[in-house]
């Protein structure tokens, strides 16, 4: 019988982040104001996800899906994935994408383009440094695109093996193997804390941007 594997906050994070990354790519040249707002929203989502990776439901916690080398090797040799949620390879893929996106957002706050436009913290770096950061901002996005392609290929690979990864990320429900412990959902107060942290992050960055525009 299908069991709730992915809670609603995790699923919403996943799809909102995917949409915002696509929107950020589309808006990075001709719609810089929208690009900044999208980046601020991504920053808020990432702060929420970092909190949720510590205090969220069991399948969302980093401790639940980040396995050591022995666990990854055992899985590659055909071992069971273990607890419901990300398998050992998928877990490290998620961690890599989150790490790259944190770096991407951080660089974007200081990046400057050729038109002297940039993030809300550009006044803390000189022009040449801001340009260099802007170049790394673009390079890191290409790294992110590579990770996204690998992610999509993995989804297709498992689909070919009759393992549906997309359905559970939409409905939240999937099959739990025999002997596996069903996921434990986080209480509402932890969600409220995460939403507050994420919303505060967006608000602070928006305020910094408004101050930067005033100079």
Protein backbone atom coordinates (compact mmCIF):
# COMPACT_ATOMS: atom_id res chain seq x y z
CA UNK A 1 0.00 0.00 0.00
CA UNK A 2 1.40 3.46 -0.92
CA UNK A 3 2.84 5.33 2.06
CA UNK A 4 3.49 9.04 2.52
CA UNK A 5 7.22 9.38 1.76
CA UNK A 6 7.67 13.05 0.85
CA UNK A 7 5.95 15.71 2.92
CA UNK A 8 4.28 18.69 1.27
CA UNK A 9 7.03 21.22 2.19
CA UNK A 10 9.71 19.05 0.55
CA UNK A 11 7.62 18.61 -2.59
CA UNK A 12 6.78 22.31 -2.86
CA UNK A 13 10.45 23.19 -2.34
CA UNK A 14 11.47 20.84 -5.14
CA UNK A 15 9.06 22.19 -7.75
CA UNK A 16 9.35 25.85 -6.76
CA UNK A 17 13.13 25.64 -6.92
CA UNK A 18 13.00 24.01 -10.35
CA UNK A 19 10.68 26.75 -11.61
CA UNK A 20 12.78 29.56 -10.13
CA UNK A 21 16.04 28.21 -11.54
CA UNK A 22 14.45 28.11 -15.00
CA UNK A 23 13.08 31.63 -14.50
CA UNK A 24 16.46 32.90 -13.33
CA UNK A 25 18.11 31.53 -16.45
CA UNK A 26 15.47 33.19 -18.65
CA UNK A 27 15.69 36.57 -16.91
CA UNK A 28 19.45 36.89 -16.38
CA UNK A 29 20.10 39.21 -19.33
CA UNK A 30 17.08 41.28 -20.32
CA UNK A 31 15.15 41.28 -17.04
CA UNK A 32 17.75 41.82 -14.32
CA UNK A 33 15.26 43.15 -11.75
CA UNK A 34 13.21 39.98 -12.05
CA UNK A 35 16.41 37.94 -12.00
CA UNK A 36 17.36 39.49 -8.66
CA UNK A 37 13.94 38.82 -7.14
CA UNK A 38 14.12 35.23 -8.35
CA UNK A 39 17.57 34.91 -6.76
CA UNK A 40 16.27 36.30 -3.47
CA UNK A 41 13.41 33.78 -3.56
CA UNK A 42 15.88 30.95 -4.27
CA UNK A 43 17.98 32.12 -1.30
CA UNK A 44 14.89 31.95 0.91
CA UNK A 45 14.08 28.47 -0.34
CA UNK A 46 17.64 27.29 0.29
CA UNK A 47 17.63 28.62 3.85
CA UNK A 48 14.35 26.81 4.40
CA UNK A 49 15.78 23.60 2.93
CA UNK A 50 18.88 23.76 5.10
CA UNK A 51 16.66 24.07 8.15
CA UNK A 52 14.36 21.31 6.87
CA UNK A 53 17.40 19.12 6.29
CA UNK A 54 18.07 19.27 10.02
CA UNK A 55 14.62 19.56 11.58
CA UNK A 56 12.22 18.32 8.90
CA UNK A 57 10.62 14.98 8.18
CA UNK A 58 12.88 11.93 8.23
CA UNK A 59 13.12 11.60 4.43
CA UNK A 60 14.11 15.29 4.14
CA UNK A 61 16.89 15.18 6.72
CA UNK A 62 20.49 15.12 5.55
CA UNK A 63 21.33 12.55 8.20
CA UNK A 64 18.75 10.26 6.66
CA UNK A 65 20.05 10.22 3.10
CA UNK A 66 23.74 11.19 3.14
CA UNK A 67 25.58 7.88 3.43
CA UNK A 68 29.29 7.24 3.80
CA UNK A 69 31.50 5.59 1.14
CA UNK A 70 30.62 2.10 2.37
CA UNK A 71 26.91 2.78 1.96
CA UNK A 72 27.37 4.17 -1.56
CA UNK A 73 29.57 1.26 -2.64
CA UNK A 74 27.12 -1.26 -1.21
CA UNK A 75 24.29 0.36 -3.14
CA UNK A 76 26.31 0.37 -6.39
CA UNK A 77 26.94 -3.35 -5.89
CA UNK A 78 23.22 -3.97 -5.82
CA UNK A 79 22.44 -3.49 -2.16
CA UNK A 80 19.13 -2.17 -0.95
CA UNK A 81 18.61 1.60 -0.88
CA UNK A 82 17.72 1.36 2.80
CA UNK A 83 15.22 3.79 4.33
CA UNK A 84 12.52 5.33 2.11
CA UNK A 85 13.50 8.48 0.26
CA UNK A 86 16.71 9.26 -1.62
CA UNK A 87 19.03 6.37 -2.37
CA UNK A 88 22.73 6.90 -1.46
CA UNK A 89 23.62 8.25 -4.92
CA UNK A 90 20.54 10.45 -5.10
CA UNK A 91 21.27 11.83 -1.65
CA UNK A 92 24.72 13.06 -2.64
CA UNK A 93 23.31 14.43 -5.88
CA UNK A 94 20.85 16.52 -3.87
CA UNK A 95 23.63 17.71 -1.56
CA UNK A 96 25.80 18.71 -4.55
CA UNK A 97 23.01 20.71 -6.17
CA UNK A 98 22.16 22.47 -2.92
CA UNK A 99 25.83 23.32 -2.33
CA UNK A 100 26.26 24.70 -5.85
CA UNK A 101 23.07 26.75 -5.57
CA UNK A 102 24.16 28.23 -2.25
CA UNK A 103 27.42 29.27 -3.91
CA UNK A 104 25.55 30.56 -6.95
CA UNK A 105 23.29 32.79 -4.86
CA UNK A 106 26.18 34.02 -2.69
CA UNK A 107 28.19 35.02 -5.76
CA UNK A 108 25.17 36.73 -7.28
CA UNK A 109 24.90 39.07 -4.32
CA UNK A 110 28.31 40.57 -5.17
CA UNK A 111 28.38 40.13 -8.95
CA UNK A 112 28.64 43.10 -11.33
CA UNK A 113 28.08 43.10 -15.10
CA UNK A 114 29.52 45.36 -17.79
CA UNK A 115 26.70 47.88 -17.29
CA UNK A 116 27.61 48.37 -13.61
CA UNK A 117 24.46 46.48 -12.61
CA UNK A 118 24.65 43.81 -9.97
CA UNK A 119 23.52 42.33 -6.71
CA UNK A 120 22.63 44.16 -3.51
CA UNK A 121 26.12 43.80 -2.00
CA UNK A 122 28.17 45.05 -4.95
CA UNK A 123 29.09 48.26 -3.12
CA UNK A 124 31.26 46.15 -0.81
CA UNK A 125 33.57 45.07 -3.67
CA UNK A 126 35.45 47.05 -6.30
CA UNK A 127 34.44 46.96 -9.96
CA UNK A 128 37.07 44.46 -11.15
CA UNK A 129 36.34 42.09 -8.28
CA UNK A 130 32.63 42.37 -8.98
CA UNK A 131 33.21 41.53 -12.65
CA UNK A 132 35.30 38.50 -11.69
CA UNK A 133 32.61 37.35 -9.29
CA UNK A 134 30.06 37.81 -12.07
CA UNK A 135 32.09 35.52 -14.32
CA UNK A 136 32.24 32.86 -11.61
CA UNK A 137 28.49 33.32 -11.12
CA UNK A 138 28.04 32.29 -14.76
CA UNK A 139 30.55 29.43 -14.55
CA UNK A 140 28.88 27.99 -11.48
CA UNK A 141 25.52 28.12 -13.24
CA UNK A 142 26.96 25.89 -15.96
CA UNK A 143 28.08 23.48 -13.25
CA UNK A 144 24.52 23.55 -11.90
CA UNK A 145 23.15 22.84 -15.38
CA UNK A 146 25.44 19.81 -15.57
CA UNK A 147 24.14 18.51 -12.25
CA UNK A 148 20.54 19.08 -13.39
CA UNK A 149 21.18 17.10 -16.58
CA UNK A 150 22.66 14.24 -14.54
CA UNK A 151 19.63 14.39 -12.26
CA UNK A 152 17.23 14.15 -15.22
CA UNK A 153 19.25 11.29 -16.73
CA UNK A 154 19.06 9.44 -13.41
CA UNK A 155 15.28 9.93 -13.31
CA UNK A 156 15.06 8.53 -16.83
CA UNK A 157 17.33 5.61 -15.94
CA UNK A 158 15.17 4.60 -12.99
CA UNK A 159 12.01 5.09 -15.06
CA UNK A 160 13.42 2.60 -17.59
CA UNK A 161 13.82 0.17 -14.68
CA UNK A 162 10.15 0.74 -13.74
CA UNK A 163 11.00 2.88 -10.73
CA UNK A 164 8.86 5.99 -10.79
CA UNK A 165 10.63 8.86 -9.01
CA UNK A 166 8.46 11.70 -10.33
CA UNK A 167 5.10 10.40 -9.13
CA UNK A 168 6.02 10.30 -5.42
CA UNK A 169 7.49 13.81 -5.68
CA UNK A 170 4.07 14.96 -6.92
CA UNK A 171 1.71 12.96 -4.74
CA UNK A 172 4.10 12.35 -1.84
CA UNK A 173 3.23 8.65 -1.81
CA UNK A 174 5.31 5.65 -2.74
CA UNK A 175 6.14 2.08 -1.81
CA UNK A 176 8.12 1.27 1.32
CA UNK A 177 10.16 -1.91 1.20
CA UNK A 178 9.60 -4.77 3.60
CA UNK A 179 11.25 -4.19 6.96
CA UNK A 180 11.84 -0.49 6.26
CA UNK A 181 10.70 2.03 8.86
CA UNK A 182 7.92 4.30 7.56
CA UNK A 183 8.93 7.99 7.33
CA UNK A 184 8.22 10.24 10.29
CA UNK A 185 6.65 13.59 9.42
CA UNK A 186 7.83 16.76 11.17
CA UNK A 187 5.43 18.75 13.40
CA UNK A 188 3.86 22.01 12.24
CA UNK A 189 5.96 24.27 14.49
CA UNK A 190 9.14 23.21 12.72
CA UNK A 191 7.59 24.10 9.39
CA UNK A 192 6.61 27.52 10.73
CA UNK A 193 10.18 28.13 11.90
CA UNK A 194 11.51 27.18 8.47
CA UNK A 195 9.01 29.42 6.68
CA UNK A 196 9.97 32.30 8.97
CA UNK A 197 13.68 31.80 8.26
CA UNK A 198 13.11 31.58 4.52
CA UNK A 199 10.79 34.57 4.44
CA UNK A 200 13.18 36.63 6.54
CA UNK A 201 16.00 35.81 4.14
CA UNK A 202 13.98 37.05 1.17
CA UNK A 203 12.93 40.18 3.09
CA UNK A 204 16.47 41.06 4.17
CA UNK A 205 17.86 40.66 0.65
CA UNK A 206 15.02 42.72 -0.82
CA UNK A 207 15.71 45.45 1.76
CA UNK A 208 19.42 45.41 0.95
CA UNK A 209 18.60 45.72 -2.74
CA UNK A 210 16.32 48.70 -2.11
CA UNK A 211 19.11 50.38 -0.12
CA UNK A 212 21.64 49.67 -2.86
CA UNK A 213 19.31 51.18 -5.47
CA UNK A 214 19.05 54.36 -3.39
CA UNK A 215 22.80 55.05 -3.69
